[in-house]
Amino acid sequence: MMPIRSTFIAALAALAVTPALAQDHDAITVEDAYARVSPGKSGAIFLTLHNHGDQDDRLVGASVAGDIAERAELHTHVEDDGGVMRMIEVTEGFALPAGESLRLERGGAHVMLMGVKDLQDGDSFPVVLSFEHAPEAEADVTVDNARAPEGDAHDHDHDHDHDHDHDHDHDDDHDHEGHGESH
């Protein structure tokens, strides 16, 4: 049996550690998550991540339930040698330095949804984000197909086709039309 004094000291020590653990758990926060989708085809999730911690981290993955989409991948746009913007999967993830923010946005880094199921404007669903160091974070995503890119007064997409080159096989043929990516 532990003496009362030892029990009291152990309890105080546990309380002293708890705020530090809670702070580390909330070191990365998610803000302003929304998606643009084309049911049966593809879509993209856009959001802002804030790293409030003192350790650099990296977004390394994302997942959604099977009734939302077949799979989720981290993607970005790069310009090829011919000056054409192409969407590629980023298997190494995206850096999220300590004390900084990472914006997943149209025309840049984003979470790509493949094989989108029956989602309509206004629907919401959870996405689980995985990090190199921090615990997984879940965010509620709202489908908003009419939303213009930040700083734009209107949408410049006009249903342009977008190239989608990958070094991996999707076993499907998504043309990404209608998910709102813009250059």
N, C-alpha and C. Protein backbone atom coordinates (compact mmCIF):
# COMPACT_ATOMS: atom_id res chain seq x y z
N MET A 1 0.85 -1.18 0.00
CA MET A 1 0.00 0.00 0.00
C MET A 1 0.89 1.24 0.00
N MET A 2 0.55 2.22 -0.82
CA MET A 2 1.33 3.45 -0.92
C MET A 2 0.94 4.42 0.18
N PRO A 3 1.92 5.04 0.81
CA PRO A 3 1.58 6.08 1.78
C PRO A 3 0.83 7.21 1.10
N ILE A 4 0.01 7.92 1.84
CA ILE A 4 -0.80 9.02 1.29
C ILE A 4 0.07 10.06 0.62
N ARG A 5 1.20 10.39 1.23
CA ARG A 5 2.09 11.41 0.67
C ARG A 5 2.59 10.99 -0.71
N SER A 6 2.99 9.73 -0.89
CA SER A 6 3.47 9.23 -2.19
C SER A 6 2.36 9.26 -3.22
N THR A 7 1.15 8.88 -2.81
CA THR A 7 0.00 8.92 -3.72
C THR A 7 -0.28 10.34 -4.17
N PHE A 8 -0.22 11.30 -3.25
CA PHE A 8 -0.45 12.71 -3.55
C PHE A 8 0.60 13.22 -4.54
N ILE A 9 1.85 12.89 -4.32
CA ILE A 9 2.94 13.34 -5.21
C ILE A 9 2.76 12.72 -6.59
N ALA A 10 2.40 11.45 -6.65
CA ALA A 10 2.17 10.79 -7.94
C ALA A 10 1.01 11.45 -8.69
N ALA A 11 -0.05 11.81 -7.97
CA ALA A 11 -1.20 12.48 -8.59
C ALA A 11 -0.80 13.84 -9.13
N LEU A 12 -0.03 14.60 -8.37
CA LEU A 12 0.45 15.91 -8.83
C LEU A 12 1.32 15.77 -10.07
N ALA A 13 2.19 14.78 -10.08
CA ALA A 13 3.05 14.55 -11.24
C ALA A 13 2.21 14.23 -12.48
N ALA A 14 1.18 13.42 -12.31
CA ALA A 14 0.30 13.08 -13.44
C ALA A 14 -0.41 14.31 -13.96
N LEU A 15 -0.88 15.17 -13.07
CA LEU A 15 -1.55 16.40 -13.49
C LEU A 15 -0.59 17.33 -14.21
N ALA A 16 0.65 17.38 -13.79
CA ALA A 16 1.63 18.25 -14.42
C ALA A 16 1.93 17.80 -15.85
N VAL A 17 1.90 16.49 -16.10
CA VAL A 17 2.19 15.95 -17.42
C VAL A 17 0.99 16.06 -18.35
N THR A 18 -0.22 15.98 -17.83
CA THR A 18 -1.43 15.96 -18.64
C THR A 18 -1.55 17.15 -19.59
N PRO A 19 -1.34 18.42 -19.19
CA PRO A 19 -1.46 19.51 -20.14
C PRO A 19 -0.47 19.39 -21.29
N ALA A 20 0.74 18.91 -21.03
CA ALA A 20 1.72 18.75 -22.10
C ALA A 20 1.24 17.71 -23.10
N LEU A 21 0.69 16.61 -22.61
CA LEU A 21 0.17 15.59 -23.52
C LEU A 21 -1.02 16.11 -24.31
N ALA A 22 -1.89 16.83 -23.67
CA ALA A 22 -3.06 17.40 -24.36
C ALA A 22 -2.61 18.38 -25.43
N GLN A 23 -1.61 19.18 -25.12
CA GLN A 23 -1.12 20.16 -26.09
C GLN A 23 -0.53 19.45 -27.30
N ASP A 24 0.26 18.39 -27.09
CA ASP A 24 0.83 17.65 -28.20
C ASP A 24 -0.26 17.02 -29.04
N HIS A 25 -1.32 16.51 -28.39
CA HIS A 25 -2.42 15.88 -29.10
C HIS A 25 -3.12 16.87 -30.02
N ASP A 26 -3.21 18.13 -29.62
CA ASP A 26 -3.87 19.16 -30.42
C ASP A 26 -2.87 20.02 -31.17
N ALA A 27 -1.65 19.53 -31.35
CA ALA A 27 -0.61 20.32 -32.01
C ALA A 27 -1.00 20.64 -33.44
N ILE A 28 -1.74 19.77 -34.10
CA ILE A 28 -2.18 20.03 -35.47
C ILE A 28 -3.69 20.14 -35.49
N THR A 29 -4.16 21.26 -36.01
CA THR A 29 -5.60 21.48 -36.12
C THR A 29 -5.98 21.64 -37.59
N VAL A 30 -7.23 21.34 -37.89
CA VAL A 30 -7.76 21.40 -39.25
C VAL A 30 -8.83 22.46 -39.29
N GLU A 31 -8.83 23.25 -40.36
CA GLU A 31 -9.77 24.36 -40.49
C GLU A 31 -10.31 24.42 -41.92
N ASP A 32 -11.54 24.87 -42.07
CA ASP A 32 -12.14 25.21 -43.36
C ASP A 32 -12.08 24.07 -44.38
N ALA A 33 -12.51 22.87 -43.98
CA ALA A 33 -12.47 21.71 -44.88
C ALA A 33 -13.73 21.67 -45.75
N TYR A 34 -13.52 21.61 -47.05
CA TYR A 34 -14.64 21.45 -47.98
C TYR A 34 -14.19 20.60 -49.15
N ALA A 35 -15.15 20.11 -49.93
CA ALA A 35 -14.85 19.27 -51.08
C ALA A 35 -15.64 19.72 -52.28
N ARG A 36 -15.08 19.44 -53.43
CA ARG A 36 -15.79 19.57 -54.71
C ARG A 36 -15.78 18.17 -55.30
N VAL A 37 -16.94 17.69 -55.74
CA VAL A 37 -17.03 16.31 -56.20
C VAL A 37 -17.83 16.18 -57.48
N SER A 38 -17.57 15.09 -58.18
CA SER A 38 -18.34 14.68 -59.34
C SER A 38 -18.71 13.22 -59.06
N PRO A 39 -19.94 12.95 -58.59
CA PRO A 39 -20.32 11.59 -58.19
C PRO A 39 -19.99 10.55 -59.26
N GLY A 40 -19.44 9.43 -58.80
CA GLY A 40 -19.06 8.35 -59.69
C GLY A 40 -17.71 8.56 -60.35
N LYS A 41 -17.14 9.74 -60.16
CA LYS A 41 -15.86 10.03 -60.80
C LYS A 41 -14.82 10.34 -59.74
N SER A 42 -14.60 11.62 -59.52
CA SER A 42 -13.55 12.02 -58.59
C SER A 42 -13.96 13.29 -57.87
N GLY A 43 -13.13 13.68 -56.95
CA GLY A 43 -13.36 14.90 -56.20
C GLY A 43 -12.08 15.29 -55.49
N ALA A 44 -12.13 16.38 -54.79
CA ALA A 44 -10.95 16.83 -54.05
C ALA A 44 -11.39 17.50 -52.77
N ILE A 45 -10.57 17.32 -51.73
CA ILE A 45 -10.79 17.95 -50.43
C ILE A 45 -9.75 19.05 -50.27
N PHE A 46 -10.22 20.20 -49.82
CA PHE A 46 -9.36 21.35 -49.57
C PHE A 46 -9.53 21.77 -48.12
N LEU A 47 -8.45 22.18 -47.48
CA LEU A 47 -8.50 22.56 -46.06
C LEU A 47 -7.20 23.25 -45.69
N THR A 48 -7.14 23.73 -44.46
CA THR A 48 -5.92 24.32 -43.93
C THR A 48 -5.53 23.58 -42.67
N LEU A 49 -4.26 23.21 -42.59
CA LEU A 49 -3.69 22.56 -41.41
C LEU A 49 -2.81 23.55 -40.68
N HIS A 50 -2.89 23.58 -39.37
CA HIS A 50 -2.05 24.45 -38.54
C HIS A 50 -1.24 23.56 -37.61
N ASN A 51 0.09 23.72 -37.63
CA ASN A 51 0.96 22.98 -36.72
C ASN A 51 1.32 23.90 -35.57
N HIS A 52 0.63 23.73 -34.45
CA HIS A 52 0.85 24.57 -33.27
C HIS A 52 1.98 24.03 -32.40
N GLY A 53 2.53 22.89 -32.77
CA GLY A 53 3.58 22.26 -31.98
C GLY A 53 4.95 22.85 -32.26
N ASP A 54 5.95 22.29 -31.59
CA ASP A 54 7.31 22.76 -31.79
C ASP A 54 8.15 21.75 -32.56
N GLN A 55 7.48 20.78 -33.21
CA GLN A 55 8.15 19.77 -34.02
C GLN A 55 7.61 19.80 -35.44
N ASP A 56 8.53 19.80 -36.42
CA ASP A 56 8.10 19.70 -37.81
C ASP A 56 7.36 18.39 -37.99
N ASP A 57 6.39 18.38 -38.89
CA ASP A 57 5.62 17.17 -39.14
C ASP A 57 5.38 17.07 -40.64
N ARG A 58 4.61 16.09 -41.03
CA ARG A 58 4.33 15.86 -42.44
C ARG A 58 2.97 15.17 -42.55
N LEU A 59 2.11 15.70 -43.43
CA LEU A 59 0.86 15.02 -43.76
C LEU A 59 1.23 13.87 -44.69
N VAL A 60 0.95 12.64 -44.28
CA VAL A 60 1.38 11.48 -45.06
C VAL A 60 0.24 10.66 -45.65
N GLY A 61 -1.00 10.99 -45.30
CA GLY A 61 -2.10 10.23 -45.85
C GLY A 61 -3.45 10.77 -45.44
N ALA A 62 -4.47 10.28 -46.14
CA ALA A 62 -5.85 10.65 -45.85
C ALA A 62 -6.73 9.46 -46.19
N SER A 63 -7.83 9.34 -45.47
CA SER A 63 -8.76 8.25 -45.77
C SER A 63 -10.19 8.70 -45.51
N VAL A 64 -11.09 8.11 -46.27
CA VAL A 64 -12.53 8.33 -46.08
C VAL A 64 -13.20 6.96 -46.09
N ALA A 65 -14.40 6.90 -45.58
CA ALA A 65 -15.15 5.64 -45.56
C ALA A 65 -15.45 5.17 -46.98
N GLY A 66 -15.57 3.87 -47.14
CA GLY A 66 -15.84 3.29 -48.45
C GLY A 66 -17.15 3.72 -49.08
N ASP A 67 -18.11 4.18 -48.26
CA ASP A 67 -19.37 4.65 -48.84
C ASP A 67 -19.25 6.11 -49.32
N ILE A 68 -18.10 6.74 -49.11
CA ILE A 68 -17.85 8.10 -49.60
C ILE A 68 -17.08 8.06 -50.91
N ALA A 69 -15.98 7.32 -50.94
CA ALA A 69 -15.15 7.17 -52.14
C ALA A 69 -14.35 5.88 -52.02
N GLU A 70 -13.90 5.37 -53.16
CA GLU A 70 -13.10 4.14 -53.16
C GLU A 70 -11.78 4.35 -52.43
N ARG A 71 -11.16 5.52 -52.62
CA ARG A 71 -9.90 5.81 -51.92
C ARG A 71 -9.59 7.30 -51.96
N ALA A 72 -8.66 7.68 -51.10
CA ALA A 72 -8.19 9.07 -51.03
C ALA A 72 -6.68 9.06 -51.15
N GLU A 73 -6.14 10.02 -51.90
CA GLU A 73 -4.70 10.12 -52.11
C GLU A 73 -4.28 11.58 -51.98
N LEU A 74 -3.02 11.81 -51.64
CA LEU A 74 -2.48 13.16 -51.61
C LEU A 74 -1.97 13.49 -53.01
N HIS A 75 -2.40 14.62 -53.55
CA HIS A 75 -2.03 15.03 -54.91
C HIS A 75 -1.57 16.47 -54.92
N THR A 76 -0.89 16.83 -56.00
CA THR A 76 -0.56 18.22 -56.28
C THR A 76 -0.48 18.39 -57.79
N HIS A 77 -0.26 19.61 -58.22
CA HIS A 77 -0.08 19.93 -59.63
C HIS A 77 1.36 20.32 -59.87
N VAL A 78 1.93 19.84 -60.98
CA VAL A 78 3.27 20.23 -61.39
C VAL A 78 3.23 20.57 -62.87
N GLU A 79 4.13 21.44 -63.27
CA GLU A 79 4.22 21.81 -64.68
C GLU A 79 5.25 20.91 -65.34
N ASP A 80 4.86 20.28 -66.47
CA ASP A 80 5.81 19.41 -67.16
C ASP A 80 6.71 20.24 -68.07
N ASP A 81 7.63 19.58 -68.77
CA ASP A 81 8.59 20.28 -69.63
C ASP A 81 7.92 21.07 -70.75
N GLY A 82 6.72 20.66 -71.14
CA GLY A 82 5.98 21.36 -72.19
C GLY A 82 5.11 22.49 -71.67
N GLY A 83 5.18 22.76 -70.38
CA GLY A 83 4.39 23.85 -69.80
C GLY A 83 2.96 23.47 -69.44
N VAL A 84 2.64 22.17 -69.51
CA VAL A 84 1.29 21.70 -69.19
C VAL A 84 1.24 21.32 -67.71
N MET A 85 0.19 21.79 -67.03
CA MET A 85 0.00 21.43 -65.62
C MET A 85 -0.57 20.01 -65.54
N ARG A 86 0.06 19.18 -64.71
CA ARG A 86 -0.39 17.80 -64.54
C ARG A 86 -0.58 17.52 -63.06
N MET A 87 -1.59 16.71 -62.78
CA MET A 87 -1.85 16.31 -61.40
C MET A 87 -1.09 15.01 -61.13
N ILE A 88 -0.38 14.96 -59.99
CA ILE A 88 0.37 13.76 -59.63
C ILE A 88 0.10 13.39 -58.18
N GLU A 89 0.24 12.10 -57.87
CA GLU A 89 0.15 11.66 -56.49
C GLU A 89 1.47 11.99 -55.79
N VAL A 90 1.38 12.41 -54.54
CA VAL A 90 2.56 12.76 -53.75
C VAL A 90 2.67 11.73 -52.62
N THR A 91 3.42 10.66 -52.87
CA THR A 91 3.49 9.56 -51.91
C THR A 91 4.28 9.92 -50.66
N GLU A 92 5.19 10.88 -50.76
CA GLU A 92 5.98 11.28 -49.58
C GLU A 92 5.23 12.26 -48.68
N GLY A 93 4.08 12.74 -49.12
CA GLY A 93 3.28 13.65 -48.31
C GLY A 93 3.73 15.09 -48.43
N PHE A 94 3.18 15.93 -47.56
CA PHE A 94 3.44 17.37 -47.58
C PHE A 94 4.02 17.81 -46.25
N ALA A 95 5.09 18.59 -46.30
CA ALA A 95 5.74 19.10 -45.08
C ALA A 95 4.81 20.06 -44.35
N LEU A 96 4.85 19.97 -43.03
CA LEU A 96 4.07 20.87 -42.17
C LEU A 96 5.00 21.33 -41.04
N PRO A 97 5.79 22.39 -41.31
CA PRO A 97 6.77 22.86 -40.32
C PRO A 97 6.12 23.34 -39.02
N ALA A 98 6.87 23.22 -37.94
CA ALA A 98 6.41 23.68 -36.62
C ALA A 98 6.04 25.15 -36.68
N GLY A 99 4.90 25.49 -36.09
CA GLY A 99 4.47 26.88 -36.01
C GLY A 99 3.93 27.45 -37.31
N GLU A 100 3.75 26.62 -38.33
CA GLU A 100 3.28 27.11 -39.62
C GLU A 100 1.99 26.42 -40.04
N SER A 101 1.46 26.87 -41.17
CA SER A 101 0.23 26.31 -41.72
C SER A 101 0.48 25.75 -43.10
N LEU A 102 -0.33 24.79 -43.49
CA LEU A 102 -0.29 24.20 -44.82
C LEU A 102 -1.69 24.29 -45.38
N ARG A 103 -1.79 24.91 -46.53
CA ARG A 103 -3.10 25.06 -47.16
C ARG A 103 -3.22 24.09 -48.32
N LEU A 104 -4.21 23.22 -48.25
CA LEU A 104 -4.53 22.34 -49.37
C LEU A 104 -5.59 23.06 -50.18
N GLU A 105 -5.22 23.43 -51.41
CA GLU A 105 -6.09 24.30 -52.19
C GLU A 105 -6.14 23.89 -53.65
N ARG A 106 -7.14 24.41 -54.33
CA ARG A 106 -7.32 24.13 -55.75
C ARG A 106 -6.10 24.63 -56.53
N GLY A 107 -5.64 23.79 -57.45
CA GLY A 107 -4.47 24.14 -58.25
C GLY A 107 -3.16 23.83 -57.55
N GLY A 108 -3.23 23.26 -56.35
CA GLY A 108 -2.03 22.94 -55.58
C GLY A 108 -2.21 21.62 -54.85
N ALA A 109 -1.63 21.54 -53.67
CA ALA A 109 -1.75 20.34 -52.84
C ALA A 109 -3.21 20.14 -52.45
N HIS A 110 -3.68 18.88 -52.47
CA HIS A 110 -5.05 18.58 -52.07
C HIS A 110 -5.19 17.08 -51.80
N VAL A 111 -6.31 16.69 -51.23
CA VAL A 111 -6.64 15.28 -51.06
C VAL A 111 -7.56 14.91 -52.21
N MET A 112 -7.12 13.99 -53.05
CA MET A 112 -7.89 13.54 -54.21
C MET A 112 -8.76 12.37 -53.81
N LEU A 113 -10.03 12.42 -54.18
CA LEU A 113 -10.96 11.32 -53.92
C LEU A 113 -11.20 10.57 -55.23
N MET A 114 -11.00 9.28 -55.22
CA MET A 114 -11.20 8.44 -56.40
C MET A 114 -12.46 7.60 -56.21
N GLY A 115 -13.25 7.49 -57.27
CA GLY A 115 -14.46 6.67 -57.20
C GLY A 115 -15.46 7.21 -56.21
N VAL A 116 -15.76 8.50 -56.33
CA VAL A 116 -16.70 9.16 -55.41
C VAL A 116 -18.08 8.53 -55.54
N LYS A 117 -18.69 8.27 -54.40
CA LYS A 117 -20.04 7.69 -54.37
C LYS A 117 -21.08 8.80 -54.51
N ASP A 118 -22.26 8.59 -54.02
CA ASP A 118 -23.37 9.53 -54.20
C ASP A 118 -23.31 10.69 -53.21
N LEU A 119 -22.51 11.69 -53.52
CA LEU A 119 -22.41 12.89 -52.68
C LEU A 119 -23.03 14.07 -53.41
N GLN A 120 -23.80 14.85 -52.69
CA GLN A 120 -24.47 16.02 -53.25
C GLN A 120 -24.00 17.28 -52.52
N ASP A 121 -24.20 18.43 -53.15
CA ASP A 121 -23.89 19.71 -52.51
C ASP A 121 -24.54 19.76 -51.13
N GLY A 122 -23.79 20.17 -50.14
CA GLY A 122 -24.30 20.28 -48.78
C GLY A 122 -24.08 19.05 -47.92
N ASP A 123 -23.80 17.89 -48.54
CA ASP A 123 -23.50 16.68 -47.76
C ASP A 123 -22.21 16.89 -46.98
N SER A 124 -22.08 16.21 -45.86
CA SER A 124 -20.82 16.27 -45.13
C SER A 124 -20.38 14.85 -44.77
N PHE A 125 -19.07 14.70 -44.60
CA PHE A 125 -18.48 13.40 -44.30
C PHE A 125 -17.15 13.62 -43.59
N PRO A 126 -16.68 12.62 -42.84
CA PRO A 126 -15.39 12.77 -42.17
C PRO A 126 -14.22 12.33 -43.06
N VAL A 127 -13.10 13.00 -42.91
CA VAL A 127 -11.83 12.57 -43.50
C VAL A 127 -10.86 12.39 -42.34
N VAL A 128 -10.07 11.34 -42.40
CA VAL A 128 -9.05 11.10 -41.38
C VAL A 128 -7.70 11.40 -42.01
N LEU A 129 -6.96 12.31 -41.39
CA LEU A 129 -5.65 12.73 -41.88
C LEU A 129 -4.57 12.08 -41.03
N SER A 130 -3.56 11.52 -41.70
CA SER A 130 -2.46 10.84 -41.00
C SER A 130 -1.18 11.66 -41.13
N PHE A 131 -0.43 11.71 -40.04
CA PHE A 131 0.79 12.50 -39.98
C PHE A 131 1.97 11.62 -39.63
N GLU A 132 3.16 12.11 -39.93
CA GLU A 132 4.38 11.38 -39.61
C GLU A 132 4.56 11.24 -38.10
N HIS A 133 4.28 12.31 -37.34
CA HIS A 133 4.50 12.30 -35.89
C HIS A 133 3.21 12.45 -35.08
N ALA A 134 2.38 13.39 -35.44
CA ALA A 134 1.17 13.69 -34.66
C ALA A 134 0.15 12.56 -34.81
N PRO A 135 -0.76 12.46 -33.86
CA PRO A 135 -1.84 11.48 -33.99
C PRO A 135 -2.75 11.85 -35.18
N GLU A 136 -3.51 10.88 -35.65
CA GLU A 136 -4.46 11.15 -36.73
C GLU A 136 -5.43 12.25 -36.30
N ALA A 137 -5.87 13.02 -37.28
CA ALA A 137 -6.86 14.07 -37.03
C ALA A 137 -8.06 13.81 -37.93
N GLU A 138 -9.25 13.95 -37.38
CA GLU A 138 -10.47 13.79 -38.17
C GLU A 138 -11.09 15.16 -38.38
N ALA A 139 -11.53 15.41 -39.60
CA ALA A 139 -12.19 16.69 -39.92
C ALA A 139 -13.50 16.40 -40.62
N ASP A 140 -14.48 17.25 -40.39
CA ASP A 140 -15.76 17.16 -41.06
C ASP A 140 -15.67 17.98 -42.35
N VAL A 141 -15.94 17.36 -43.49
CA VAL A 141 -15.82 17.99 -44.80
C VAL A 141 -17.22 18.21 -45.36
N THR A 142 -17.49 19.40 -45.88
CA THR A 142 -18.78 19.71 -46.50
C THR A 142 -18.59 19.84 -48.00
N VAL A 143 -19.46 19.19 -48.78
CA VAL A 143 -19.42 19.31 -50.23
C VAL A 143 -19.95 20.68 -50.62
N ASP A 144 -19.14 21.44 -51.36
CA ASP A 144 -19.49 22.79 -51.79
C ASP A 144 -18.96 22.99 -53.21
N ASN A 145 -19.72 22.49 -54.20
CA ASN A 145 -19.28 22.55 -55.59
C ASN A 145 -19.29 23.95 -56.17
N ALA A 146 -19.99 24.88 -55.55
CA ALA A 146 -20.07 26.25 -56.08
C ALA A 146 -18.97 27.15 -55.53
N ARG A 147 -18.24 26.69 -54.54
CA ARG A 147 -17.25 27.54 -53.87
C ARG A 147 -16.12 27.93 -54.83
N ALA A 148 -15.86 29.22 -54.89
CA ALA A 148 -14.78 29.74 -55.72
C ALA A 148 -13.47 29.65 -54.95
N PRO A 149 -12.34 29.60 -55.67
CA PRO A 149 -11.05 29.61 -54.98
C PRO A 149 -10.91 30.85 -54.11
N GLU A 150 -10.16 30.71 -53.02
CA GLU A 150 -9.93 31.83 -52.09
C GLU A 150 -9.42 33.04 -52.85
N GLY A 151 -10.03 34.19 -52.62
CA GLY A 151 -9.59 35.43 -53.26
C GLY A 151 -10.23 35.67 -54.61
N ASP A 152 -10.97 34.68 -55.13
CA ASP A 152 -11.65 34.83 -56.41
C ASP A 152 -13.08 35.29 -56.19
N ALA A 153 -13.55 36.18 -57.01
CA ALA A 153 -14.94 36.62 -56.91
C ALA A 153 -15.87 35.61 -57.57
N HIS A 154 -15.32 34.83 -58.52
CA HIS A 154 -16.13 33.82 -59.19
C HIS A 154 -15.24 32.66 -59.61
N ASP A 155 -15.84 31.57 -60.04
CA ASP A 155 -15.13 30.35 -60.39
C ASP A 155 -14.59 30.45 -61.81
N HIS A 156 -13.30 30.18 -61.99
CA HIS A 156 -12.68 30.22 -63.31
C HIS A 156 -12.54 28.85 -63.93
N ASP A 157 -13.15 27.83 -63.38
CA ASP A 157 -12.95 26.46 -63.84
C ASP A 157 -13.53 26.21 -65.23
N HIS A 158 -14.73 26.59 -65.47
CA HIS A 158 -15.42 26.44 -66.76
C HIS A 158 -15.33 25.03 -67.33
N ASP A 159 -15.27 24.01 -66.44
CA ASP A 159 -15.28 22.60 -66.83
C ASP A 159 -14.16 22.21 -67.79
N HIS A 160 -12.95 22.72 -67.60
CA HIS A 160 -11.80 22.29 -68.39
C HIS A 160 -11.40 20.89 -68.01
N ASP A 161 -10.93 20.11 -69.00
CA ASP A 161 -10.36 18.80 -68.69
C ASP A 161 -8.99 19.00 -68.07
N HIS A 162 -8.59 18.07 -67.22
CA HIS A 162 -7.30 18.15 -66.55
C HIS A 162 -6.55 16.85 -66.74
N ASP A 163 -5.29 16.96 -67.14
CA ASP A 163 -4.46 15.77 -67.27
C ASP A 163 -4.25 15.15 -65.91
N HIS A 164 -4.12 13.85 -65.90
CA HIS A 164 -3.96 13.14 -64.63
C HIS A 164 -2.94 12.03 -64.85
N ASP A 165 -1.66 12.37 -64.76
CA ASP A 165 -0.60 11.39 -64.96
C ASP A 165 -0.15 10.83 -63.64
N HIS A 166 -0.02 9.52 -63.59
CA HIS A 166 0.43 8.84 -62.38
C HIS A 166 1.41 7.76 -62.76
N ASP A 167 2.27 7.42 -61.84
CA ASP A 167 3.17 6.30 -62.01
C ASP A 167 2.59 5.05 -61.37
N HIS A 168 1.29 5.04 -61.13
CA HIS A 168 0.64 3.88 -60.54
C HIS A 168 -0.68 3.64 -61.25
N ASP A 169 -1.21 2.45 -61.09
CA ASP A 169 -2.42 2.04 -61.78
C ASP A 169 -3.63 2.22 -60.88
N HIS A 170 -4.65 2.94 -61.36
CA HIS A 170 -5.86 3.17 -60.58
C HIS A 170 -6.93 2.11 -60.81
N ASP A 171 -6.80 1.31 -61.87
CA ASP A 171 -7.82 0.34 -62.24
C ASP A 171 -9.19 0.98 -62.47
N ASP A 172 -9.18 2.22 -62.88
CA ASP A 172 -10.42 2.90 -63.23
C ASP A 172 -10.05 4.00 -64.21
N ASP A 173 -11.04 4.67 -64.78
CA ASP A 173 -10.67 5.73 -65.71
C ASP A 173 -11.37 7.01 -65.35
N HIS A 174 -10.74 7.74 -64.43
CA HIS A 174 -11.27 9.02 -63.97
C HIS A 174 -10.74 10.12 -64.88
N ASP A 175 -11.62 11.01 -65.28
CA ASP A 175 -11.15 12.13 -66.08
C ASP A 175 -11.08 13.41 -65.27
N HIS A 176 -11.47 13.39 -64.03
CA HIS A 176 -11.38 14.51 -63.08
C HIS A 176 -12.17 15.73 -63.52
N GLU A 177 -13.00 15.60 -64.53
CA GLU A 177 -13.81 16.74 -64.94
C GLU A 177 -14.85 17.04 -63.89
N GLY A 178 -15.00 18.28 -63.56
CA GLY A 178 -16.07 18.67 -62.67
C GLY A 178 -15.71 18.70 -61.20
N HIS A 179 -14.47 18.34 -60.83
CA HIS A 179 -14.15 18.42 -59.40
C HIS A 179 -13.58 19.76 -59.03
N GLY A 180 -13.48 20.66 -60.01
CA GLY A 180 -13.18 22.04 -59.66
C GLY A 180 -11.72 22.37 -59.59
N GLU A 181 -10.82 21.53 -60.05
CA GLU A 181 -9.42 21.91 -60.04
C GLU A 181 -9.22 23.03 -61.05
N SER A 182 -8.41 23.98 -60.70
CA SER A 182 -8.10 25.06 -61.62
C SER A 182 -6.62 25.31 -61.58
N HIS A 183 -6.09 25.89 -62.65
CA HIS A 183 -4.63 26.10 -62.73
C HIS A 183 -4.25 27.38 -62.05
